[in-house]
Amino acid sequence: LRTGHREGAVARIRAQIQRDRTQVATWLLLAQVHRDLGQPNLAEGALREGLATLPRAVGLWSALTHALQRRGAQKEALDALRQADRDPARAGW
């Protein structure tokens, strides 16, 4: 994705999120586009925003954990991983 198309791509993804906030793949795509554009803070913000809507989304927790590790926030990454493991819906795993 070229930087010149950044606003368009992000705007289209955001529009999709506004139509349906429950699609984990769309949140992950938004974070990926921001990361690819060298915007790790915006990528992390997108993941956190997605988790505010979908707190049980294991894929979002996993992506957030990796984003935190990339920026050297090991304690926060471990906390995010623990938060995902606290989900009662996963207790039977």
PDB file of N, CA and C in Angstrom:
ATOM      1  N   LEU A   1       0.847  -1.179   0.000  1.00  0.00           N
ATOM      2  CA  LEU A   1       0.000   0.000   0.000  1.00  0.00           C
ATOM      3  C   LEU A   1       0.887   1.235   0.000  1.00  0.00           C
ATOM      4  N   ARG A   2       0.717   2.085  -0.980  1.00  0.00           N
ATOM      5  CA  ARG A   2       1.515   3.296  -1.059  1.00  0.00           C
ATOM      6  C   ARG A   2       0.966   4.333  -0.096  1.00  0.00           C
ATOM      7  N   THR A   3       1.870   5.124   0.443  1.00  0.00           N
ATOM      8  CA  THR A   3       1.485   6.136   1.416  1.00  0.00           C
ATOM      9  C   THR A   3       0.431   7.074   0.847  1.00  0.00           C
ATOM     10  N   GLY A   4       0.495   7.389  -0.421  1.00  0.00           N
ATOM     11  CA  GLY A   4      -0.465   8.291  -1.034  1.00  0.00           C
ATOM     12  C   GLY A   4      -1.897   7.794  -0.976  1.00  0.00           C
ATOM     13  N   HIS A   5      -2.078   6.512  -0.803  1.00  0.00           N
ATOM     14  CA  HIS A   5      -3.418   5.922  -0.742  1.00  0.00           C
ATOM     15  C   HIS A   5      -3.876   5.679   0.696  1.00  0.00           C
ATOM     16  N   ARG A   6      -3.065   6.127   1.630  1.00  0.00           N
ATOM     17  CA  ARG A   6      -3.330   5.877   3.047  1.00  0.00           C
ATOM     18  C   ARG A   6      -4.709   6.361   3.478  1.00  0.00           C
ATOM     19  N   GLU A   7      -4.998   7.624   3.214  1.00  0.00           N
ATOM     20  CA  GLU A   7      -6.258   8.188   3.680  1.00  0.00           C
ATOM     21  C   GLU A   7      -7.444   7.432   3.098  1.00  0.00           C
ATOM     22  N   GLY A   8      -7.348   7.086   1.830  1.00  0.00           N
ATOM     23  CA  GLY A   8      -8.444   6.352   1.198  1.00  0.00           C
ATOM     24  C   GLY A   8      -8.646   4.983   1.798  1.00  0.00           C
ATOM     25  N   ALA A   9      -7.557   4.258   2.005  1.00  0.00           N
ATOM     26  CA  ALA A   9      -7.660   2.910   2.573  1.00  0.00           C
ATOM     27  C   ALA A   9      -8.208   2.955   3.987  1.00  0.00           C
ATOM     28  N   VAL A  10      -7.653   3.836   4.797  1.00  0.00           N
ATOM     29  CA  VAL A  10      -8.110   3.939   6.182  1.00  0.00           C
ATOM     30  C   VAL A  10      -9.571   4.377   6.214  1.00  0.00           C
ATOM     31  N   ALA A  11      -9.938   5.319   5.365  1.00  0.00           N
ATOM     32  CA  ALA A  11     -11.331   5.794   5.332  1.00  0.00           C
ATOM     33  C   ALA A  11     -12.290   4.671   4.938  1.00  0.00           C
ATOM     34  N   ARG A  12     -11.902   3.869   3.950  1.00  0.00           N
ATOM     35  CA  ARG A  12     -12.777   2.755   3.525  1.00  0.00           C
ATOM     36  C   ARG A  12     -12.926   1.720   4.637  1.00  0.00           C
ATOM     37  N   ILE A  13     -11.836   1.417   5.309  1.00  0.00           N
ATOM     38  CA  ILE A  13     -11.902   0.435   6.399  1.00  0.00           C
ATOM     39  C   ILE A  13     -12.747   0.986   7.543  1.00  0.00           C
ATOM     40  N   ARG A  14     -12.545   2.253   7.881  1.00  0.00           N
ATOM     41  CA  ARG A  14     -13.337   2.879   8.944  1.00  0.00           C
ATOM     42  C   ARG A  14     -14.832   2.881   8.591  1.00  0.00           C
ATOM     43  N   ALA A  15     -15.138   3.125   7.326  1.00  0.00           N
ATOM     44  CA  ALA A  15     -16.544   3.097   6.890  1.00  0.00           C
ATOM     45  C   ALA A  15     -17.132   1.706   7.083  1.00  0.00           C
ATOM     46  N   GLN A  16     -16.349   0.683   6.776  1.00  0.00           N
ATOM     47  CA  GLN A  16     -16.808  -0.691   6.980  1.00  0.00           C
ATOM     48  C   GLN A  16     -17.036  -0.969   8.465  1.00  0.00           C
ATOM     49  N   ILE A  17     -16.149  -0.468   9.301  1.00  0.00           N
ATOM     50  CA  ILE A  17     -16.303  -0.649  10.748  1.00  0.00           C
ATOM     51  C   ILE A  17     -17.578   0.044  11.232  1.00  0.00           C
ATOM     52  N   GLN A  18     -17.872   1.218  10.693  1.00  0.00           N
ATOM     53  CA  GLN A  18     -19.096   1.915  11.090  1.00  0.00           C
ATOM     54  C   GLN A  18     -20.343   1.122  10.709  1.00  0.00           C
ATOM     55  N   ARG A  19     -20.260   0.409   9.592  1.00  0.00           N
ATOM     56  CA  ARG A  19     -21.400  -0.422   9.169  1.00  0.00           C
ATOM     57  C   ARG A  19     -21.543  -1.663  10.048  1.00  0.00           C
ATOM     58  N   ASP A  20     -20.410  -2.218  10.474  1.00  0.00           N
ATOM     59  CA  ASP A  20     -20.454  -3.448  11.273  1.00  0.00           C
ATOM     60  C   ASP A  20     -19.214  -3.513  12.157  1.00  0.00           C
ATOM     61  N   ARG A  21     -19.395  -3.162  13.412  1.00  0.00           N
ATOM     62  CA  ARG A  21     -18.273  -3.114  14.367  1.00  0.00           C
ATOM     63  C   ARG A  21     -17.900  -4.503  14.901  1.00  0.00           C
ATOM     64  N   THR A  22     -18.624  -5.538  14.491  1.00  0.00           N
ATOM     65  CA  THR A  22     -18.415  -6.870  15.070  1.00  0.00           C
ATOM     66  C   THR A  22     -17.485  -7.759  14.250  1.00  0.00           C
ATOM     67  N   GLN A  23     -16.906  -7.245  13.188  1.00  0.00           N
ATOM     68  CA  GLN A  23     -16.040  -8.050  12.329  1.00  0.00           C
ATOM     69  C   GLN A  23     -14.578  -7.928  12.764  1.00  0.00           C
ATOM     70  N   VAL A  24     -14.075  -8.950  13.412  1.00  0.00           N
ATOM     71  CA  VAL A  24     -12.693  -8.952  13.896  1.00  0.00           C
ATOM     72  C   VAL A  24     -11.720  -8.712  12.746  1.00  0.00           C
ATOM     73  N   ALA A  25     -11.969  -9.328  11.607  1.00  0.00           N
ATOM     74  CA  ALA A  25     -11.048  -9.200  10.468  1.00  0.00           C
ATOM     75  C   ALA A  25     -10.892  -7.748  10.024  1.00  0.00           C
ATOM     76  N   THR A  26     -11.950  -6.961  10.119  1.00  0.00           N
ATOM     77  CA  THR A  26     -11.870  -5.561   9.710  1.00  0.00           C
ATOM     78  C   THR A  26     -11.012  -4.759  10.676  1.00  0.00           C
ATOM     79  N   TRP A  27     -11.137  -5.019  11.962  1.00  0.00           N
ATOM     80  CA  TRP A  27     -10.284  -4.357  12.956  1.00  0.00           C
ATOM     81  C   TRP A  27      -8.822  -4.741  12.728  1.00  0.00           C
ATOM     82  N   LEU A  28      -8.596  -6.021  12.453  1.00  0.00           N
ATOM     83  CA  LEU A  28      -7.221  -6.474  12.205  1.00  0.00           C
ATOM     84  C   LEU A  28      -6.650  -5.828  10.945  1.00  0.00           C
ATOM     85  N   LEU A  29      -7.469  -5.686   9.920  1.00  0.00           N
ATOM     86  CA  LEU A  29      -7.024  -5.039   8.686  1.00  0.00           C
ATOM     87  C   LEU A  29      -6.654  -3.578   8.942  1.00  0.00           C
ATOM     88  N   LEU A  30      -7.472  -2.878   9.706  1.00  0.00           N
ATOM     89  CA  LEU A  30      -7.172  -1.486  10.025  1.00  0.00           C
ATOM     90  C   LEU A  30      -5.829  -1.384  10.752  1.00  0.00           C
ATOM     91  N   ALA A  31      -5.623  -2.242  11.720  1.00  0.00           N
ATOM     92  CA  ALA A  31      -4.349  -2.231  12.451  1.00  0.00           C
ATOM     93  C   ALA A  31      -3.187  -2.553  11.512  1.00  0.00           C
ATOM     94  N   GLN A  32      -3.374  -3.503  10.621  1.00  0.00           N
ATOM     95  CA  GLN A  32      -2.317  -3.893   9.678  1.00  0.00           C
ATOM     96  C   GLN A  32      -1.955  -2.737   8.744  1.00  0.00           C
ATOM     97  N   VAL A  33      -2.955  -2.036   8.231  1.00  0.00           N
ATOM     98  CA  VAL A  33      -2.693  -0.903   7.341  1.00  0.00           C
ATOM     99  C   VAL A  33      -1.896   0.164   8.086  1.00  0.00           C
ATOM    100  N   HIS A  34      -2.305   0.485   9.297  1.00  0.00           N
ATOM    101  CA  HIS A  34      -1.554   1.471  10.080  1.00  0.00           C
ATOM    102  C   HIS A  34      -0.120   1.003  10.326  1.00  0.00           C
ATOM    103  N   ARG A  35       0.043  -0.256  10.662  1.00  0.00           N
ATOM    104  CA  ARG A  35       1.395  -0.776  10.907  1.00  0.00           C
ATOM    105  C   ARG A  35       2.234  -0.708   9.635  1.00  0.00           C
ATOM    106  N   ASP A  36       1.657  -1.112   8.503  1.00  0.00           N
ATOM    107  CA  ASP A  36       2.385  -1.084   7.233  1.00  0.00           C
ATOM    108  C   ASP A  36       2.788   0.332   6.840  1.00  0.00           C
ATOM    109  N   LEU A  37       2.014   1.303   7.288  1.00  0.00           N
ATOM    110  CA  LEU A  37       2.309   2.698   6.980  1.00  0.00           C
ATOM    111  C   LEU A  37       3.240   3.334   8.010  1.00  0.00           C
ATOM    112  N   GLY A  38       3.769   2.506   8.912  1.00  0.00           N
ATOM    113  CA  GLY A  38       4.697   3.014   9.915  1.00  0.00           C
ATOM    114  C   GLY A  38       4.015   3.802  11.022  1.00  0.00           C
ATOM    115  N   GLN A  39       2.788   3.432  11.331  1.00  0.00           N
ATOM    116  CA  GLN A  39       2.007   4.106  12.363  1.00  0.00           C
ATOM    117  C   GLN A  39       1.638   3.124  13.474  1.00  0.00           C
ATOM    118  N   PRO A  40       2.639   2.643  14.206  1.00  0.00           N
ATOM    119  CA  PRO A  40       2.353   1.616  15.211  1.00  0.00           C
ATOM    120  C   PRO A  40       1.408   2.081  16.318  1.00  0.00           C
ATOM    121  N   ASN A  41       1.446   3.362  16.667  1.00  0.00           N
ATOM    122  CA  ASN A  41       0.533   3.846  17.708  1.00  0.00           C
ATOM    123  C   ASN A  41      -0.919   3.791  17.237  1.00  0.00           C
ATOM    124  N   LEU A  42      -1.143   4.135  15.974  1.00  0.00           N
ATOM    125  CA  LEU A  42      -2.497   4.053  15.431  1.00  0.00           C
ATOM    126  C   LEU A  42      -2.934   2.598  15.287  1.00  0.00           C
ATOM    127  N   ALA A  43      -2.003   1.725  14.951  1.00  0.00           N
ATOM    128  CA  ALA A  43      -2.320   0.296  14.861  1.00  0.00           C
ATOM    129  C   ALA A  43      -2.746  -0.231  16.222  1.00  0.00           C
ATOM    130  N   GLU A  44      -1.975   0.098  17.242  1.00  0.00           N
ATOM    131  CA  GLU A  44      -2.315  -0.337  18.599  1.00  0.00           C
ATOM    132  C   GLU A  44      -3.655   0.256  19.034  1.00  0.00           C
ATOM    133  N   GLY A  45      -3.887   1.515  18.701  1.00  0.00           N
ATOM    134  CA  GLY A  45      -5.155   2.161  19.037  1.00  0.00           C
ATOM    135  C   GLY A  45      -6.341   1.468  18.378  1.00  0.00           C
ATOM    136  N   ALA A  46      -6.167   1.058  17.122  1.00  0.00           N
ATOM    137  CA  ALA A  46      -7.243   0.348  16.413  1.00  0.00           C
ATOM    138  C   ALA A  46      -7.557  -0.976  17.108  1.00  0.00           C
ATOM    139  N   LEU A  47      -6.521  -1.673  17.535  1.00  0.00           N
ATOM    140  CA  LEU A  47      -6.732  -2.945  18.223  1.00  0.00           C
ATOM    141  C   LEU A  47      -7.458  -2.735  19.548  1.00  0.00           C
ATOM    142  N   ARG A  48      -7.059  -1.716  20.270  1.00  0.00           N
ATOM    143  CA  ARG A  48      -7.725  -1.424  21.548  1.00  0.00           C
ATOM    144  C   ARG A  48      -9.177  -1.001  21.329  1.00  0.00           C
ATOM    145  N   GLU A  49      -9.408  -0.232  20.289  1.00  0.00           N
ATOM    146  CA  GLU A  49     -10.767   0.179  19.959  1.00  0.00           C
ATOM    147  C   GLU A  49     -11.621  -1.041  19.609  1.00  0.00           C
ATOM    148  N   GLY A  50     -11.052  -1.952  18.842  1.00  0.00           N
ATOM    149  CA  GLY A  50     -11.762  -3.179  18.514  1.00  0.00           C
ATOM    150  C   GLY A  50     -12.071  -4.002  19.752  1.00  0.00           C
ATOM    151  N   LEU A  51     -11.120  -4.061  20.669  1.00  0.00           N
ATOM    152  CA  LEU A  51     -11.330  -4.830  21.899  1.00  0.00           C
ATOM    153  C   LEU A  51     -12.376  -4.191  22.804  1.00  0.00           C
ATOM    154  N   ALA A  52     -12.544  -2.885  22.712  1.00  0.00           N
ATOM    155  CA  ALA A  52     -13.601  -2.230  23.488  1.00  0.00           C
ATOM    156  C   ALA A  52     -14.972  -2.715  23.019  1.00  0.00           C
ATOM    157  N   THR A  53     -15.059  -3.037  21.731  1.00  0.00           N
ATOM    158  CA  THR A  53     -16.303  -3.542  21.163  1.00  0.00           C
ATOM    159  C   THR A  53     -16.411  -5.054  21.284  1.00  0.00           C
ATOM    160  N   LEU A  54     -15.287  -5.728  21.098  1.00  0.00           N
ATOM    161  CA  LEU A  54     -15.259  -7.200  21.055  1.00  0.00           C
ATOM    162  C   LEU A  54     -14.252  -7.737  22.076  1.00  0.00           C
ATOM    163  N   PRO A  55     -14.545  -7.634  23.367  1.00  0.00           N
ATOM    164  CA  PRO A  55     -13.564  -8.012  24.386  1.00  0.00           C
ATOM    165  C   PRO A  55     -13.181  -9.489  24.407  1.00  0.00           C
ATOM    166  N   ARG A  56     -13.939 -10.328  23.726  1.00  0.00           N
ATOM    167  CA  ARG A  56     -13.625 -11.763  23.699  1.00  0.00           C
ATOM    168  C   ARG A  56     -12.917 -12.193  22.419  1.00  0.00           C
ATOM    169  N   ALA A  57     -12.534 -11.248  21.587  1.00  0.00           N
ATOM    170  CA  ALA A  57     -11.923 -11.558  20.289  1.00  0.00           C
ATOM    171  C   ALA A  57     -10.460 -11.944  20.479  1.00  0.00           C
ATOM    172  N   VAL A  58     -10.207 -13.233  20.488  1.00  0.00           N
ATOM    173  CA  VAL A  58      -8.859 -13.751  20.724  1.00  0.00           C
ATOM    174  C   VAL A  58      -7.866 -13.222  19.684  1.00  0.00           C
ATOM    175  N   GLY A  59      -8.303 -13.095  18.436  1.00  0.00           N
ATOM    176  CA  GLY A  59      -7.419 -12.584  17.397  1.00  0.00           C
ATOM    177  C   GLY A  59      -6.958 -11.167  17.667  1.00  0.00           C
ATOM    178  N   LEU A  60      -7.846 -10.333  18.208  1.00  0.00           N
ATOM    179  CA  LEU A  60      -7.467  -8.967  18.556  1.00  0.00           C
ATOM    180  C   LEU A  60      -6.500  -8.953  19.739  1.00  0.00           C
ATOM    181  N   TRP A  61      -6.757  -9.794  20.724  1.00  0.00           N
ATOM    182  CA  TRP A  61      -5.829  -9.886  21.869  1.00  0.00           C
ATOM    183  C   TRP A  61      -4.456 -10.335  21.406  1.00  0.00           C
ATOM    184  N   SER A  62      -4.429 -11.316  20.528  1.00  0.00           N
ATOM    185  CA  SER A  62      -3.156 -11.817  20.016  1.00  0.00           C
ATOM    186  C   SER A  62      -2.406 -10.725  19.254  1.00  0.00           C
ATOM    187  N   ALA A  63      -3.113 -10.011  18.386  1.00  0.00           N
ATOM    188  CA  ALA A  63      -2.480  -8.936  17.619  1.00  0.00           C
ATOM    189  C   ALA A  63      -1.988  -7.825  18.541  1.00  0.00           C
ATOM    190  N   LEU A  64      -2.771  -7.487  19.569  1.00  0.00           N
ATOM    191  CA  LEU A  64      -2.340  -6.468  20.520  1.00  0.00           C
ATOM    192  C   LEU A  64      -1.087  -6.918  21.261  1.00  0.00           C
ATOM    193  N   THR A  65      -1.058  -8.172  21.662  1.00  0.00           N
ATOM    194  CA  THR A  65       0.121  -8.709  22.344  1.00  0.00           C
ATOM    195  C   THR A  65       1.358  -8.550  21.469  1.00  0.00           C
ATOM    196  N   HIS A  66       1.249  -8.888  20.198  1.00  0.00           N
ATOM    197  CA  HIS A  66       2.386  -8.758  19.276  1.00  0.00           C
ATOM    198  C   HIS A  66       2.772  -7.299  19.068  1.00  0.00           C
ATOM    199  N   ALA A  67       1.793  -6.414  18.964  1.00  0.00           N
ATOM    200  CA  ALA A  67       2.076  -4.980  18.795  1.00  0.00           C
ATOM    201  C   ALA A  67       2.829  -4.439  20.006  1.00  0.00           C
ATOM    202  N   LEU A  68       2.412  -4.836  21.179  1.00  0.00           N
ATOM    203  CA  LEU A  68       3.081  -4.392  22.396  1.00  0.00           C
ATOM    204  C   LEU A  68       4.501  -4.940  22.476  1.00  0.00           C
ATOM    205  N   GLN A  69       4.679  -6.179  22.083  1.00  0.00           N
ATOM    206  CA  GLN A  69       6.023  -6.771  22.074  1.00  0.00           C
ATOM    207  C   GLN A  69       6.938  -6.027  21.106  1.00  0.00           C
ATOM    208  N   ARG A  70       6.404  -5.659  19.928  1.00  0.00           N
ATOM    209  CA  ARG A  70       7.216  -4.949  18.933  1.00  0.00           C
ATOM    210  C   ARG A  70       7.727  -3.615  19.461  1.00  0.00           C
ATOM    211  N   ARG A  71       6.953  -2.965  20.290  1.00  0.00           N
ATOM    212  CA  ARG A  71       7.417  -1.684  20.823  1.00  0.00           C
ATOM    213  C   ARG A  71       8.157  -1.835  22.153  1.00  0.00           C
ATOM    214  N   GLY A  72       8.386  -3.086  22.548  1.00  0.00           N
ATOM    215  CA  GLY A  72       9.192  -3.344  23.735  1.00  0.00           C
ATOM    216  C   GLY A  72       8.428  -3.269  25.043  1.00  0.00           C
ATOM    217  N   ALA A  73       7.130  -3.263  24.983  1.00  0.00           N
ATOM    218  CA  ALA A  73       6.293  -3.183  26.187  1.00  0.00           C
ATOM    219  C   ALA A  73       5.950  -4.599  26.650  1.00  0.00           C
ATOM    220  N   GLN A  74       6.955  -5.295  27.141  1.00  0.00           N
ATOM    221  CA  GLN A  74       6.790  -6.704  27.494  1.00  0.00           C
ATOM    222  C   GLN A  74       5.772  -6.919  28.609  1.00  0.00           C
ATOM    223  N   LYS A  75       5.799  -6.063  29.644  1.00  0.00           N
ATOM    224  CA  LYS A  75       4.847  -6.230  30.743  1.00  0.00           C
ATOM    225  C   LYS A  75       3.415  -6.026  30.251  1.00  0.00           C
ATOM    226  N   GLU A  76       3.195  -4.996  29.442  1.00  0.00           N
ATOM    227  CA  GLU A  76       1.850  -4.766  28.895  1.00  0.00           C
ATOM    228  C   GLU A  76       1.420  -5.920  27.999  1.00  0.00           C
ATOM    229  N   ALA A  77       2.363  -6.465  27.237  1.00  0.00           N
ATOM    230  CA  ALA A  77       2.048  -7.598  26.364  1.00  0.00           C
ATOM    231  C   ALA A  77       1.609  -8.794  27.201  1.00  0.00           C
ATOM    232  N   LEU A  78       2.321  -9.047  28.277  1.00  0.00           N
ATOM    233  CA  LEU A  78       1.963 -10.153  29.164  1.00  0.00           C
ATOM    234  C   LEU A  78       0.603  -9.899  29.818  1.00  0.00           C
ATOM    235  N   ASP A  79       0.349  -8.660  30.214  1.00  0.00           N
ATOM    236  CA  ASP A  79      -0.960  -8.311  30.791  1.00  0.00           C
ATOM    237  C   ASP A  79      -2.084  -8.543  29.781  1.00  0.00           C
ATOM    238  N   ALA A  80      -1.851  -8.170  28.521  1.00  0.00           N
ATOM    239  CA  ALA A  80      -2.862  -8.376  27.474  1.00  0.00           C
ATOM    240  C   ALA A  80      -3.123  -9.865  27.279  1.00  0.00           C
ATOM    241  N   LEU A  81      -2.059 -10.638  27.292  1.00  0.00           N
ATOM    242  CA  LEU A  81      -2.203 -12.084  27.144  1.00  0.00           C
ATOM    243  C   LEU A  81      -2.989 -12.670  28.320  1.00  0.00           C
ATOM    244  N   ARG A  82      -2.701 -12.197  29.504  1.00  0.00           N
ATOM    245  CA  ARG A  82      -3.437 -12.665  30.691  1.00  0.00           C
ATOM    246  C   ARG A  82      -4.902 -12.258  30.623  1.00  0.00           C
ATOM    247  N   GLN A  83      -5.161 -11.049  30.129  1.00  0.00           N
ATOM    248  CA  GLN A  83      -6.544 -10.592  30.001  1.00  0.00           C
ATOM    249  C   GLN A  83      -7.319 -11.518  29.067  1.00  0.00           C
ATOM    250  N   ALA A  84      -6.721 -11.901  27.981  1.00  0.00           N
ATOM    251  CA  ALA A  84      -7.376 -12.814  27.045  1.00  0.00           C
ATOM    252  C   ALA A  84      -7.660 -14.156  27.716  1.00  0.00           C
ATOM    253  N   ASP A  85      -6.732 -14.616  28.543  1.00  0.00           N
ATOM    254  CA  ASP A  85      -6.906 -15.899  29.216  1.00  0.00           C
ATOM    255  C   ASP A  85      -7.957 -15.851  30.316  1.00  0.00           C
ATOM    256  N   ARG A  86      -8.335 -14.662  30.774  1.00  0.00           N
ATOM    257  CA  ARG A  86      -9.357 -14.530  31.819  1.00  0.00           C
ATOM    258  C   ARG A  86     -10.765 -14.679  31.280  1.00  0.00           C
ATOM    259  N   ASP A  87     -10.907 -14.698  30.015  1.00  0.00           N
ATOM    260  CA  ASP A  87     -12.228 -14.754  29.391  1.00  0.00           C
ATOM    261  C   ASP A  87     -12.931 -16.042  29.810  1.00  0.00           C
ATOM    262  N   PRO A  88     -14.061 -15.940  30.500  1.00  0.00           N
ATOM    263  CA  PRO A  88     -14.773 -17.148  30.950  1.00  0.00           C
ATOM    264  C   PRO A  88     -15.246 -18.028  29.797  1.00  0.00           C
ATOM    265  N   ALA A  89     -15.434 -17.453  28.638  1.00  0.00           N
ATOM    266  CA  ALA A  89     -15.875 -18.261  27.491  1.00  0.00           C
ATOM    267  C   ALA A  89     -14.795 -19.238  27.041  1.00  0.00           C
ATOM    268  N   ARG A  90     -13.555 -18.970  27.435  1.00  0.00           N
ATOM    269  CA  ARG A  90     -12.448 -19.845  27.046  1.00  0.00           C
ATOM    270  C   ARG A  90     -12.063 -20.806  28.164  1.00  0.00           C
ATOM    271  N   ALA A  91     -12.767 -20.768  29.267  1.00  0.00           N
ATOM    272  CA  ALA A  91     -12.387 -21.565  30.447  1.00  0.00           C
ATOM    273  C   ALA A  91     -12.316 -23.059  30.155  1.00  0.00           C
ATOM    274  N   GLY A  92     -13.091 -23.528  29.218  1.00  0.00           N
ATOM    275  CA  GLY A  92     -13.112 -24.958  28.926  1.00  0.00           C
ATOM    276  C   GLY A  92     -11.970 -25.427  28.036  1.00  0.00           C
ATOM    277  N   TRP A  93     -11.146 -24.499  27.556  1.00  0.00           N
ATOM    278  CA  TRP A  93     -10.072 -24.897  26.646  1.00  0.00           C
ATOM    279  C   TRP A  93      -8.969 -25.588  27.357  1.00  0.00           C
TER     280      TRP A  93
END
